[in-house]
Amino acid sequence: MPNLYVTELGSVVEKEAEQLLVTKGSEVRPAVPARRIEQVVLVGPVGVTTPALDFLLDRGIGLVLLTARGEFRGRLAGDLSRHVALRHRQHQRADDAAFGLGIGRAIVAGKIHNSRTLCLRWDETNDDPTTLAATRELRTLEEGAGRAPGIATLMGIEGRAARLYFGELGRRLRAPWCFTNRARRPPPDPVNALLSICYTLLHESCYAALEAAGLDPFCGFLHQPRYGRASLALDLMEEFRPLIADLVVMRLANLRRLAPGDFQPEPGPRVRLSRDGWRVVAEEYNRRLQTLVGVPGARRRTTYQRLLEVQARHLRHAIEGAAPTYEPFRAR
């Protein structure tokens, strides 16, 4: 099921029978049946009525609040997981350095593999010397991630792989878009702002998938637990950053669905996406989540949104001991 994004200033989410309505003054958008909604995301100063809140809670539909810049503010959810034994086991596993390193190795290796796969796809003729050199090193880094002796070394490998990958991503963006390196807090240019927005959306999708699997999104392995940080959601999203968030950015830029002019400069320096731009990003992100993808060992293809839930369950199986280790999703 897709997410419902409400981005227009002054809009209000209301309930009518078994549906949600988005209104603005006398204008009413088409109603959305509850069975078609996975999560509601409000961007900026958007309202929601008390009956609508009750409706979401009763049906287990999450509500996420973001600032107009795409920064996370908070979420509304019903009862947390009742799987106390599972969460207790997860917290015990988080104290097991060897287990955490094994999960971390798998996550980083999966992310590098998927980054390398995209680089190879972008080089359609397979003869670009810069890309070939980058993909060779990415292959070496992927292998090194599987042998990393500790989390610190592993994060160093991930950082080197990210620099190589973002270099390729920047080379594949078409003019007038320009991207030289990943920068955040705050993102200083349109491409970095788009990446941050899409990563925020992906983070919330991973958070919801982990809760559905009964896991604690705040207790991670690669990303160490820190106050206020959903570390396990960050873990899960790593292998999907290239396949979901980065591809959304590439499509928005190279298919000219957005232009750098859709961003306004702000003090900082930083840039801010326009309201119309937010609508376009939400549409493209939802489209990517509903894209069908082949899964190894499965007879049918599934959507990326469901694949997040599948991988969250794989994490659960590894934590419970039902699987020997965590297997990341590797794109072909």
C-alpha atoms as a PDB file:
ATOM      1  CA  MET A   1       0.000   0.000   0.000  1.00  0.00           C
ATOM      2  CA  PRO A   2       1.299   3.487  -0.797  1.00  0.00           C
ATOM      3  CA  ASN A   3       1.883   6.289   1.654  1.00  0.00           C
ATOM      4  CA  LEU A   4      -0.287   9.404   1.725  1.00  0.00           C
ATOM      5  CA  TYR A   5       1.766  12.609   1.582  1.00  0.00           C
ATOM      6  CA  VAL A   6       0.157  15.943   2.441  1.00  0.00           C
ATOM      7  CA  THR A   7       2.435  18.826   1.471  1.00  0.00           C
ATOM      8  CA  GLU A   8       0.250  21.827   0.665  1.00  0.00           C
ATOM      9  CA  LEU A   9       0.306  24.668   3.177  1.00  0.00           C
ATOM     10  CA  GLY A  10      -2.975  24.986   5.103  1.00  0.00           C
ATOM     11  CA  SER A  11      -4.321  21.538   4.201  1.00  0.00           C
ATOM     12  CA  VAL A  12      -6.204  19.465   6.781  1.00  0.00           C
ATOM     13  CA  VAL A  13      -6.569  15.683   6.968  1.00  0.00           C
ATOM     14  CA  GLU A  14     -10.106  14.693   7.937  1.00  0.00           C
ATOM     15  CA  LYS A  15     -12.093  11.474   8.330  1.00  0.00           C
ATOM     16  CA  GLU A  16     -15.228  10.573   6.445  1.00  0.00           C
ATOM     17  CA  ALA A  17     -16.670   7.089   6.999  1.00  0.00           C
ATOM     18  CA  GLU A  18     -13.832   4.646   6.241  1.00  0.00           C
ATOM     19  CA  GLN A  19     -11.858   7.174   4.236  1.00  0.00           C
ATOM     20  CA  LEU A  20      -9.445  10.063   4.687  1.00  0.00           C
ATOM     21  CA  LEU A  21     -10.052  13.430   3.062  1.00  0.00           C
ATOM     22  CA  VAL A  22      -7.532  16.189   2.449  1.00  0.00           C
ATOM     23  CA  THR A  23      -9.220  19.578   2.470  1.00  0.00           C
ATOM     24  CA  LYS A  24      -8.073  23.150   2.019  1.00  0.00           C
ATOM     25  CA  GLY A  25     -10.771  25.717   2.610  1.00  0.00           C
ATOM     26  CA  SER A  26     -13.691  24.681   0.453  1.00  0.00           C
ATOM     27  CA  GLU A  27     -11.518  22.478  -1.754  1.00  0.00           C
ATOM     28  CA  VAL A  28     -11.702  18.724  -1.138  1.00  0.00           C
ATOM     29  CA  ARG A  29      -9.251  16.273  -2.654  1.00  0.00           C
ATOM     30  CA  PRO A  30     -10.410  12.768  -3.671  1.00  0.00           C
ATOM     31  CA  ALA A  31     -11.051  10.520  -0.663  1.00  0.00           C
ATOM     32  CA  VAL A  32      -8.538   7.759   0.092  1.00  0.00           C
ATOM     33  CA  PRO A  33      -9.849   4.453   1.547  1.00  0.00           C
ATOM     34  CA  ALA A  34      -7.984   3.315   4.680  1.00  0.00           C
ATOM     35  CA  ARG A  35      -7.160  -0.064   3.158  1.00  0.00           C
ATOM     36  CA  ARG A  36      -4.965   1.681   0.578  1.00  0.00           C
ATOM     37  CA  ILE A  37      -2.785   3.582   3.058  1.00  0.00           C
ATOM     38  CA  GLU A  38       0.345   2.330   4.783  1.00  0.00           C
ATOM     39  CA  GLN A  39       1.388   5.602   6.394  1.00  0.00           C
ATOM     40  CA  VAL A  40       0.428   9.292   6.382  1.00  0.00           C
ATOM     41  CA  VAL A  41       3.217  11.871   6.101  1.00  0.00           C
ATOM     42  CA  LEU A  42       2.528  15.547   6.853  1.00  0.00           C
ATOM     43  CA  VAL A  43       5.060  18.073   5.541  1.00  0.00           C
ATOM     44  CA  GLY A  44       5.165  21.521   7.157  1.00  0.00           C
ATOM     45  CA  PRO A  45       2.134  23.368   8.563  1.00  0.00           C
ATOM     46  CA  VAL A  46      -0.555  20.811   7.728  1.00  0.00           C
ATOM     47  CA  GLY A  47      -3.425  19.967  10.098  1.00  0.00           C
ATOM     48  CA  VAL A  48      -5.207  16.789  11.110  1.00  0.00           C
ATOM     49  CA  THR A  49      -8.524  16.495  12.976  1.00  0.00           C
ATOM     50  CA  THR A  50      -9.043  14.464  16.155  1.00  0.00           C
ATOM     51  CA  PRO A  51     -11.457  12.027  14.425  1.00  0.00           C
ATOM     52  CA  ALA A  52      -8.804  11.450  11.783  1.00  0.00           C
ATOM     53  CA  LEU A  53      -6.204  10.754  14.498  1.00  0.00           C
ATOM     54  CA  ASP A  54      -8.549   8.233  16.140  1.00  0.00           C
ATOM     55  CA  PHE A  55      -9.132   6.654  12.734  1.00  0.00           C
ATOM     56  CA  LEU A  56      -5.394   6.235  12.121  1.00  0.00           C
ATOM     57  CA  LEU A  57      -4.743   4.790  15.570  1.00  0.00           C
ATOM     58  CA  ASP A  58      -7.639   2.323  15.308  1.00  0.00           C
ATOM     59  CA  ARG A  59      -6.303   0.970  12.020  1.00  0.00           C
ATOM     60  CA  GLY A  60      -2.615   0.950  12.883  1.00  0.00           C
ATOM     61  CA  ILE A  61      -1.748   3.556  10.255  1.00  0.00           C
ATOM     62  CA  GLY A  62       1.322   5.563  11.242  1.00  0.00           C
ATOM     63  CA  LEU A  63       1.425   9.367  11.119  1.00  0.00           C
ATOM     64  CA  VAL A  64       4.781  11.062  10.476  1.00  0.00           C
ATOM     65  CA  LEU A  65       5.420  14.799  10.803  1.00  0.00           C
ATOM     66  CA  LEU A  66       8.211  16.487   8.826  1.00  0.00           C
ATOM     67  CA  THR A  67       9.224  20.125   8.627  1.00  0.00           C
ATOM     68  CA  ALA A  68       8.869  21.998   5.346  1.00  0.00           C
ATOM     69  CA  ARG A  69      12.585  21.273   4.815  1.00  0.00           C
ATOM     70  CA  GLY A  70      12.017  17.531   5.182  1.00  0.00           C
ATOM     71  CA  GLU A  71      13.436  17.209   8.689  1.00  0.00           C
ATOM     72  CA  PHE A  72      11.823  14.667  11.000  1.00  0.00           C
ATOM     73  CA  ARG A  73       9.693  16.096  13.832  1.00  0.00           C
ATOM     74  CA  GLY A  74       7.811  13.157  15.281  1.00  0.00           C
ATOM     75  CA  ARG A  75       5.391  10.311  14.704  1.00  0.00           C
ATOM     76  CA  LEU A  76       2.093   9.018  16.047  1.00  0.00           C
ATOM     77  CA  ALA A  77       1.617   5.297  16.408  1.00  0.00           C
ATOM     78  CA  GLY A  78      -0.562   2.906  18.354  1.00  0.00           C
ATOM     79  CA  ASP A  79       0.643   0.313  20.858  1.00  0.00           C
ATOM     80  CA  LEU A  80       4.293  -0.636  20.463  1.00  0.00           C
ATOM     81  CA  SER A  81       5.154  -4.233  19.789  1.00  0.00           C
ATOM     82  CA  ARG A  82       3.860  -6.649  22.391  1.00  0.00           C
ATOM     83  CA  HIS A  83       6.706  -9.051  21.578  1.00  0.00           C
ATOM     84  CA  VAL A  84       8.553  -8.345  24.824  1.00  0.00           C
ATOM     85  CA  ALA A  85      10.663 -11.496  24.581  1.00  0.00           C
ATOM     86  CA  LEU A  86      11.731 -10.610  21.032  1.00  0.00           C
ATOM     87  CA  ARG A  87      12.800  -7.110  22.006  1.00  0.00           C
ATOM     88  CA  HIS A  88      14.595  -8.407  25.053  1.00  0.00           C
ATOM     89  CA  ARG A  89      16.492 -10.837  22.803  1.00  0.00           C
ATOM     90  CA  GLN A  90      17.287  -7.979  20.411  1.00  0.00           C
ATOM     91  CA  HIS A  91      18.768  -5.906  23.241  1.00  0.00           C
ATOM     92  CA  GLN A  92      20.830  -8.897  24.384  1.00  0.00           C
ATOM     93  CA  ARG A  93      22.125  -9.371  20.843  1.00  0.00           C
ATOM     94  CA  ALA A  94      23.080  -5.697  20.683  1.00  0.00           C
ATOM     95  CA  ASP A  95      25.480  -6.354  23.589  1.00  0.00           C
ATOM     96  CA  ASP A  96      27.097  -9.234  21.662  1.00  0.00           C
ATOM     97  CA  ALA A  97      29.976  -7.590  19.764  1.00  0.00           C
ATOM     98  CA  ALA A  98      30.546 -10.578  17.483  1.00  0.00           C
ATOM     99  CA  PHE A  99      26.891 -10.803  16.497  1.00  0.00           C
ATOM    100  CA  GLY A 100      26.649  -7.054  15.888  1.00  0.00           C
ATOM    101  CA  LEU A 101      29.783  -7.117  13.731  1.00  0.00           C
ATOM    102  CA  GLY A 102      28.316  -9.944  11.650  1.00  0.00           C
ATOM    103  CA  ILE A 103      25.136  -7.979  11.018  1.00  0.00           C
ATOM    104  CA  GLY A 104      27.163  -4.860  10.238  1.00  0.00           C
ATOM    105  CA  ARG A 105      29.384  -6.688   7.747  1.00  0.00           C
ATOM    106  CA  ALA A 106      26.323  -7.987   5.887  1.00  0.00           C
ATOM    107  CA  ILE A 107      24.666  -4.566   5.792  1.00  0.00           C
ATOM    108  CA  VAL A 108      27.738  -2.737   4.473  1.00  0.00           C
ATOM    109  CA  ALA A 109      28.566  -5.449   1.939  1.00  0.00           C
ATOM    110  CA  GLY A 110      24.973  -5.340   0.680  1.00  0.00           C
ATOM    111  CA  LYS A 111      25.029  -1.562   0.358  1.00  0.00           C
ATOM    112  CA  ILE A 112      28.325  -1.597  -1.559  1.00  0.00           C
ATOM    113  CA  HIS A 113      27.057  -4.368  -3.833  1.00  0.00           C
ATOM    114  CA  ASN A 114      23.930  -2.395  -4.698  1.00  0.00           C
ATOM    115  CA  SER A 115      25.933   0.808  -5.205  1.00  0.00           C
ATOM    116  CA  ARG A 116      28.251  -1.025  -7.578  1.00  0.00           C
ATOM    117  CA  THR A 117      25.293  -2.522  -9.458  1.00  0.00           C
ATOM    118  CA  LEU A 118      23.899   0.944 -10.115  1.00  0.00           C
ATOM    119  CA  CYS A 119      27.269   2.225 -11.313  1.00  0.00           C
ATOM    120  CA  LEU A 120      27.433  -0.641 -13.820  1.00  0.00           C
ATOM    121  CA  ARG A 121      23.893   0.085 -14.998  1.00  0.00           C
ATOM    122  CA  TRP A 122      24.711   3.751 -15.564  1.00  0.00           C
ATOM    123  CA  ASP A 123      27.701   2.795 -17.743  1.00  0.00           C
ATOM    124  CA  GLU A 124      25.576   1.329 -20.523  1.00  0.00           C
ATOM    125  CA  THR A 125      28.502   0.664 -22.844  1.00  0.00           C
ATOM    126  CA  ASN A 126      30.666  -0.759 -20.054  1.00  0.00           C
ATOM    127  CA  ASP A 127      33.731   1.079 -21.341  1.00  0.00           C
ATOM    128  CA  ASP A 128      33.989   4.210 -19.185  1.00  0.00           C
ATOM    129  CA  PRO A 129      37.473   3.959 -17.595  1.00  0.00           C
ATOM    130  CA  THR A 130      36.491   6.030 -14.527  1.00  0.00           C
ATOM    131  CA  THR A 131      33.461   3.861 -13.851  1.00  0.00           C
ATOM    132  CA  LEU A 132      35.398   0.641 -14.445  1.00  0.00           C
ATOM    133  CA  ALA A 133      38.060   1.725 -11.957  1.00  0.00           C
ATOM    134  CA  ALA A 134      35.399   2.704  -9.409  1.00  0.00           C
ATOM    135  CA  THR A 135      33.504  -0.568  -9.750  1.00  0.00           C
ATOM    136  CA  ARG A 136      36.712  -2.596  -9.408  1.00  0.00           C
ATOM    137  CA  GLU A 137      37.510  -0.827  -6.164  1.00  0.00           C
ATOM    138  CA  LEU A 138      33.913  -1.194  -4.981  1.00  0.00           C
ATOM    139  CA  ARG A 139      34.165  -4.945  -5.529  1.00  0.00           C
ATOM    140  CA  THR A 140      37.340  -5.013  -3.419  1.00  0.00           C
ATOM    141  CA  LEU A 141      35.660  -2.933  -0.709  1.00  0.00           C
ATOM    142  CA  GLU A 142      32.641  -5.243  -0.706  1.00  0.00           C
ATOM    143  CA  GLU A 143      34.913  -8.202  -0.101  1.00  0.00           C
ATOM    144  CA  GLY A 144      36.779  -6.266   2.581  1.00  0.00           C
ATOM    145  CA  ALA A 145      33.546  -5.454   4.364  1.00  0.00           C
ATOM    146  CA  GLY A 146      32.939  -9.164   4.841  1.00  0.00           C
ATOM    147  CA  ARG A 147      36.291  -9.501   6.643  1.00  0.00           C
ATOM    148  CA  ALA A 148      36.346  -6.255   8.653  1.00  0.00           C
ATOM    149  CA  PRO A 149      37.759  -6.906  12.142  1.00  0.00           C
ATOM    150  CA  GLY A 150      35.607  -4.271  13.837  1.00  0.00           C
ATOM    151  CA  ILE A 151      32.852  -1.699  13.426  1.00  0.00           C
ATOM    152  CA  ALA A 152      35.324   1.206  13.135  1.00  0.00           C
ATOM    153  CA  THR A 153      37.121  -0.457  10.217  1.00  0.00           C
ATOM    154  CA  LEU A 154      33.786  -1.344   8.659  1.00  0.00           C
ATOM    155  CA  MET A 155      32.593   2.263   8.797  1.00  0.00           C
ATOM    156  CA  GLY A 156      35.845   3.352   7.155  1.00  0.00           C
ATOM    157  CA  ILE A 157      35.222   0.913   4.305  1.00  0.00           C
ATOM    158  CA  GLU A 158      31.656   2.186   3.969  1.00  0.00           C
ATOM    159  CA  GLY A 159      32.882   5.783   3.841  1.00  0.00           C
ATOM    160  CA  ARG A 160      35.387   5.077   1.071  1.00  0.00           C
ATOM    161  CA  ALA A 161      32.755   3.181  -0.932  1.00  0.00           C
ATOM    162  CA  ALA A 162      30.276   6.055  -0.502  1.00  0.00           C
ATOM    163  CA  ARG A 163      32.782   8.593  -1.862  1.00  0.00           C
ATOM    164  CA  LEU A 164      33.422   6.450  -4.940  1.00  0.00           C
ATOM    165  CA  TYR A 165      29.725   5.876  -5.497  1.00  0.00           C
ATOM    166  CA  PHE A 166      28.690   9.511  -5.065  1.00  0.00           C
ATOM    167  CA  GLY A 167      31.406  10.474  -7.519  1.00  0.00           C
ATOM    168  CA  GLU A 168      29.738   8.248 -10.109  1.00  0.00           C
ATOM    169  CA  LEU A 169      26.285   9.555  -9.213  1.00  0.00           C
ATOM    170  CA  GLY A 170      27.463  13.132  -9.741  1.00  0.00           C
ATOM    171  CA  ARG A 171      28.934  12.265 -13.148  1.00  0.00           C
ATOM    172  CA  ARG A 172      25.621  10.765 -14.287  1.00  0.00           C
ATOM    173  CA  LEU A 173      23.467  13.770 -13.422  1.00  0.00           C
ATOM    174  CA  ARG A 174      22.569  15.853 -16.456  1.00  0.00           C
ATOM    175  CA  ALA A 175      23.001  19.615 -16.687  1.00  0.00           C
ATOM    176  CA  PRO A 176      21.977  21.947 -15.119  1.00  0.00           C
ATOM    177  CA  TRP A 177      22.229  19.683 -12.059  1.00  0.00           C
ATOM    178  CA  CYS A 178      25.587  19.658 -10.308  1.00  0.00           C
ATOM    179  CA  PHE A 179      26.819  17.428  -7.478  1.00  0.00           C
ATOM    180  CA  THR A 180      30.404  17.108  -6.247  1.00  0.00           C
ATOM    181  CA  ASN A 181      30.128  15.544  -2.794  1.00  0.00           C
ATOM    182  CA  ARG A 182      27.625  14.514  -0.151  1.00  0.00           C
ATOM    183  CA  ALA A 183      26.996  17.255   2.411  1.00  0.00           C
ATOM    184  CA  ARG A 184      24.261  17.528   5.029  1.00  0.00           C
ATOM    185  CA  ARG A 185      23.254  19.332   8.218  1.00  0.00           C
ATOM    186  CA  PRO A 186      22.327  21.460   6.404  1.00  0.00           C
ATOM    187  CA  PRO A 187      22.375  20.339   2.741  1.00  0.00           C
ATOM    188  CA  PRO A 188      23.826  23.321   0.817  1.00  0.00           C
ATOM    189  CA  ASP A 189      22.594  22.603  -2.722  1.00  0.00           C
ATOM    190  CA  PRO A 190      19.574  21.105  -4.528  1.00  0.00           C
ATOM    191  CA  VAL A 191      20.998  17.610  -5.052  1.00  0.00           C
ATOM    192  CA  ASN A 192      22.082  17.253  -1.429  1.00  0.00           C
ATOM    193  CA  ALA A 193      18.701  18.581  -0.322  1.00  0.00           C
ATOM    194  CA  LEU A 194      16.924  16.011  -2.506  1.00  0.00           C
ATOM    195  CA  LEU A 195      19.091  13.206  -1.148  1.00  0.00           C
ATOM    196  CA  SER A 196      18.343  14.259   2.434  1.00  0.00           C
ATOM    197  CA  ILE A 197      14.604  14.413   1.779  1.00  0.00           C
ATOM    198  CA  CYS A 198      14.534  10.978   0.131  1.00  0.00           C
ATOM    199  CA  TYR A 199      16.652   9.472   2.910  1.00  0.00           C
ATOM    200  CA  THR A 200      14.215  10.850   5.474  1.00  0.00           C
ATOM    201  CA  LEU A 201      11.291   9.264   3.626  1.00  0.00           C
ATOM    202  CA  LEU A 202      13.169   5.960   3.342  1.00  0.00           C
ATOM    203  CA  HIS A 203      14.043   6.070   7.044  1.00  0.00           C
ATOM    204  CA  GLU A 204      10.364   6.344   7.964  1.00  0.00           C
ATOM    205  CA  SER A 205       9.471   3.459   5.633  1.00  0.00           C
ATOM    206  CA  CYS A 206      12.145   1.302   7.298  1.00  0.00           C
ATOM    207  CA  TYR A 207      10.973   2.345  10.758  1.00  0.00           C
ATOM    208  CA  ALA A 208       7.435   1.186   9.927  1.00  0.00           C
ATOM    209  CA  ALA A 209       8.721  -2.119   8.499  1.00  0.00           C
ATOM    210  CA  LEU A 210      10.725  -2.854  11.655  1.00  0.00           C
ATOM    211  CA  GLU A 211       7.778  -2.118  13.927  1.00  0.00           C
ATOM    212  CA  ALA A 212       5.621  -4.423  11.815  1.00  0.00           C
ATOM    213  CA  ALA A 213       8.229  -7.155  12.380  1.00  0.00           C
ATOM    214  CA  GLY A 214       8.061  -6.587  16.147  1.00  0.00           C
ATOM    215  CA  LEU A 215      11.578  -5.122  16.432  1.00  0.00           C
ATOM    216  CA  ASP A 216      12.794  -2.054  18.307  1.00  0.00           C
ATOM    217  CA  PRO A 217      13.810   0.499  15.620  1.00  0.00           C
ATOM    218  CA  PHE A 218      16.111   2.258  18.117  1.00  0.00           C
ATOM    219  CA  CYS A 219      18.333  -0.740  18.929  1.00  0.00           C
ATOM    220  CA  GLY A 220      20.800  -1.130  16.050  1.00  0.00           C
ATOM    221  CA  PHE A 221      23.974  -3.045  15.260  1.00  0.00           C
ATOM    222  CA  LEU A 222      25.977  -1.209  12.597  1.00  0.00           C
ATOM    223  CA  HIS A 223      24.723   2.147  13.871  1.00  0.00           C
ATOM    224  CA  GLN A 224      25.332   2.085  17.591  1.00  0.00           C
ATOM    225  CA  PRO A 225      22.421   3.068  19.851  1.00  0.00           C
ATOM    226  CA  ARG A 226      22.312   6.783  20.620  1.00  0.00           C
ATOM    227  CA  TYR A 227      19.695   8.869  22.390  1.00  0.00           C
ATOM    228  CA  GLY A 228      16.899   9.797  19.984  1.00  0.00           C
ATOM    229  CA  ARG A 229      18.322   7.884  17.004  1.00  0.00           C
ATOM    230  CA  ALA A 230      16.442   5.002  15.392  1.00  0.00           C
ATOM    231  CA  SER A 231      19.652   3.053  14.800  1.00  0.00           C
ATOM    232  CA  LEU A 232      18.094  -0.147  13.464  1.00  0.00           C
ATOM    233  CA  ALA A 233      16.072   1.853  10.930  1.00  0.00           C
ATOM    234  CA  LEU A 234      19.375   3.357   9.765  1.00  0.00           C
ATOM    235  CA  ASP A 235      20.808  -0.164   9.535  1.00  0.00           C
ATOM    236  CA  LEU A 236      17.949  -1.469   7.418  1.00  0.00           C
ATOM    237  CA  MET A 237      17.905   1.469   5.030  1.00  0.00           C
ATOM    238  CA  GLU A 238      21.608   1.191   4.085  1.00  0.00           C
ATOM    239  CA  GLU A 239      21.198  -1.487   1.426  1.00  0.00           C
ATOM    240  CA  PHE A 240      18.180   0.377   0.004  1.00  0.00           C
ATOM    241  CA  ARG A 241      19.668   3.875  -0.198  1.00  0.00           C
ATOM    242  CA  PRO A 242      20.973   3.343  -3.766  1.00  0.00           C
ATOM    243  CA  LEU A 243      18.016   1.289  -4.999  1.00  0.00           C
ATOM    244  CA  ILE A 244      15.207   3.489  -3.684  1.00  0.00           C
ATOM    245  CA  ALA A 245      16.263   6.969  -2.557  1.00  0.00           C
ATOM    246  CA  ASP A 246      19.152   7.618  -4.962  1.00  0.00           C
ATOM    247  CA  LEU A 247      17.223   6.350  -7.977  1.00  0.00           C
ATOM    248  CA  VAL A 248      14.341   8.667  -7.092  1.00  0.00           C
ATOM    249  CA  VAL A 249      16.782  11.589  -7.097  1.00  0.00           C
ATOM    250  CA  MET A 250      18.251  10.515 -10.441  1.00  0.00           C
ATOM    251  CA  ARG A 251      14.828  10.244 -12.055  1.00  0.00           C
ATOM    252  CA  LEU A 252      13.653  13.587 -10.704  1.00  0.00           C
ATOM    253  CA  ALA A 253      16.761  15.298 -12.044  1.00  0.00           C
ATOM    254  CA  ASN A 254      17.485  13.533 -15.318  1.00  0.00           C
ATOM    255  CA  LEU A 255      13.866  13.249 -16.434  1.00  0.00           C
ATOM    256  CA  ARG A 256      13.472  16.967 -15.630  1.00  0.00           C
ATOM    257  CA  ARG A 257      10.583  16.434 -13.247  1.00  0.00           C
ATOM    258  CA  LEU A 258      12.331  18.980 -11.045  1.00  0.00           C
ATOM    259  CA  ALA A 259      14.748  21.808 -11.782  1.00  0.00           C
ATOM    260  CA  PRO A 260      17.298  23.535  -9.548  1.00  0.00           C
ATOM    261  CA  GLY A 261      14.936  26.523  -9.642  1.00  0.00           C
ATOM    262  CA  ASP A 262      12.473  24.516  -7.518  1.00  0.00           C
ATOM    263  CA  PHE A 263      14.767  25.220  -4.558  1.00  0.00           C
ATOM    264  CA  GLN A 264      15.010  28.567  -2.788  1.00  0.00           C
ATOM    265  CA  PRO A 265      18.195  29.645  -0.980  1.00  0.00           C
ATOM    266  CA  GLU A 266      18.000  30.183   2.762  1.00  0.00           C
ATOM    267  CA  PRO A 267      20.470  31.440   5.377  1.00  0.00           C
ATOM    268  CA  GLY A 268      22.909  28.802   6.453  1.00  0.00           C
ATOM    269  CA  PRO A 269      23.757  28.312   3.599  1.00  0.00           C
ATOM    270  CA  ARG A 270      20.972  25.896   2.757  1.00  0.00           C
ATOM    271  CA  VAL A 271      18.192  25.455   0.214  1.00  0.00           C
ATOM    272  CA  ARG A 272      14.514  24.664   0.574  1.00  0.00           C
ATOM    273  CA  LEU A 273      12.282  22.717  -1.794  1.00  0.00           C
ATOM    274  CA  SER A 274       9.106  24.399  -2.997  1.00  0.00           C
ATOM    275  CA  ARG A 275       5.631  23.046  -2.167  1.00  0.00           C
ATOM    276  CA  ASP A 276       5.083  21.961  -5.774  1.00  0.00           C
ATOM    277  CA  GLY A 277       8.463  20.273  -5.667  1.00  0.00           C
ATOM    278  CA  TRP A 278       7.476  18.348  -2.548  1.00  0.00           C
ATOM    279  CA  ARG A 279       4.422  16.989  -4.341  1.00  0.00           C
ATOM    280  CA  VAL A 280       6.600  15.752  -7.212  1.00  0.00           C
ATOM    281  CA  VAL A 281       9.082  14.110  -4.833  1.00  0.00           C
ATOM    282  CA  ALA A 282       6.294  12.352  -2.927  1.00  0.00           C
ATOM    283  CA  GLU A 283       4.777  11.016  -6.142  1.00  0.00           C
ATOM    284  CA  GLU A 284       8.101   9.697  -7.407  1.00  0.00           C
ATOM    285  CA  TYR A 285       9.032   8.158  -4.051  1.00  0.00           C
ATOM    286  CA  ASN A 286       5.660   6.389  -3.842  1.00  0.00           C
ATOM    287  CA  ARG A 287       6.102   5.183  -7.400  1.00  0.00           C
ATOM    288  CA  ARG A 288       9.483   3.705  -6.521  1.00  0.00           C
ATOM    289  CA  LEU A 289       8.107   1.965  -3.425  1.00  0.00           C
ATOM    290  CA  GLN A 290       5.439   0.305  -5.577  1.00  0.00           C
ATOM    291  CA  THR A 291       7.937  -0.835  -8.241  1.00  0.00           C
ATOM    292  CA  LEU A 292       8.080  -4.613  -8.583  1.00  0.00           C
ATOM    293  CA  VAL A 293      11.408  -6.328  -8.014  1.00  0.00           C
ATOM    294  CA  GLY A 294      12.571  -9.913  -8.215  1.00  0.00           C
ATOM    295  CA  VAL A 295      13.598 -11.511  -4.919  1.00  0.00           C
ATOM    296  CA  PRO A 296      16.013 -14.468  -4.814  1.00  0.00           C
ATOM    297  CA  GLY A 297      14.210 -17.653  -3.813  1.00  0.00           C
ATOM    298  CA  ALA A 298      10.725 -16.185  -4.323  1.00  0.00           C
ATOM    299  CA  ARG A 299       8.399 -17.264  -7.095  1.00  0.00           C
ATOM    300  CA  ARG A 300       6.776 -13.880  -7.523  1.00  0.00           C
ATOM    301  CA  ARG A 301       8.111 -10.380  -7.677  1.00  0.00           C
ATOM    302  CA  THR A 302       7.204  -7.994  -4.886  1.00  0.00           C
ATOM    303  CA  THR A 303       7.217  -4.246  -4.362  1.00  0.00           C
ATOM    304  CA  TYR A 304      10.099  -2.428  -2.731  1.00  0.00           C
ATOM    305  CA  GLN A 305       7.711  -1.479   0.071  1.00  0.00           C
ATOM    306  CA  ARG A 306       7.019  -5.142   0.815  1.00  0.00           C
ATOM    307  CA  LEU A 307      10.685  -5.962   0.363  1.00  0.00           C
ATOM    308  CA  LEU A 308      11.516  -3.649   3.271  1.00  0.00           C
ATOM    309  CA  GLU A 309       9.189  -5.756   5.414  1.00  0.00           C
ATOM    310  CA  VAL A 310      10.757  -8.974   4.108  1.00  0.00           C
ATOM    311  CA  GLN A 311      14.224  -7.756   5.075  1.00  0.00           C
ATOM    312  CA  ALA A 312      12.977  -6.604   8.476  1.00  0.00           C
ATOM    313  CA  ARG A 313      11.727 -10.152   9.065  1.00  0.00           C
ATOM    314  CA  HIS A 314      15.117 -11.517   7.961  1.00  0.00           C
ATOM    315  CA  LEU A 315      16.701  -9.331  10.641  1.00  0.00           C
ATOM    316  CA  ARG A 316      14.252 -10.737  13.155  1.00  0.00           C
ATOM    317  CA  HIS A 317      15.095 -14.315  12.181  1.00  0.00           C
ATOM    318  CA  ALA A 318      18.802 -13.607  12.644  1.00  0.00           C
ATOM    319  CA  ILE A 319      18.164 -12.045  16.063  1.00  0.00           C
ATOM    320  CA  GLU A 320      16.011 -14.972  17.160  1.00  0.00           C
ATOM    321  CA  GLY A 321      18.554 -17.506  15.900  1.00  0.00           C
ATOM    322  CA  ALA A 322      16.172 -18.930  13.298  1.00  0.00           C
ATOM    323  CA  ALA A 323      18.691 -17.964  10.592  1.00  0.00           C
ATOM    324  CA  PRO A 324      22.493 -18.262  10.895  1.00  0.00           C
ATOM    325  CA  THR A 325      23.045 -14.680   9.784  1.00  0.00           C
ATOM    326  CA  TYR A 326      21.375 -11.720   8.088  1.00  0.00           C
ATOM    327  CA  GLU A 327      21.294 -11.782   4.294  1.00  0.00           C
ATOM    328  CA  PRO A 328      20.944  -8.333   2.694  1.00  0.00           C
ATOM    329  CA  PHE A 329      19.040  -7.804  -0.524  1.00  0.00           C
ATOM    330  CA  ARG A 330      21.474  -7.737  -3.439  1.00  0.00           C
ATOM    331  CA  ALA A 331      20.266  -6.249  -6.713  1.00  0.00           C
ATOM    332  CA  ARG A 332      21.166  -8.052  -9.901  1.00  0.00           C
END
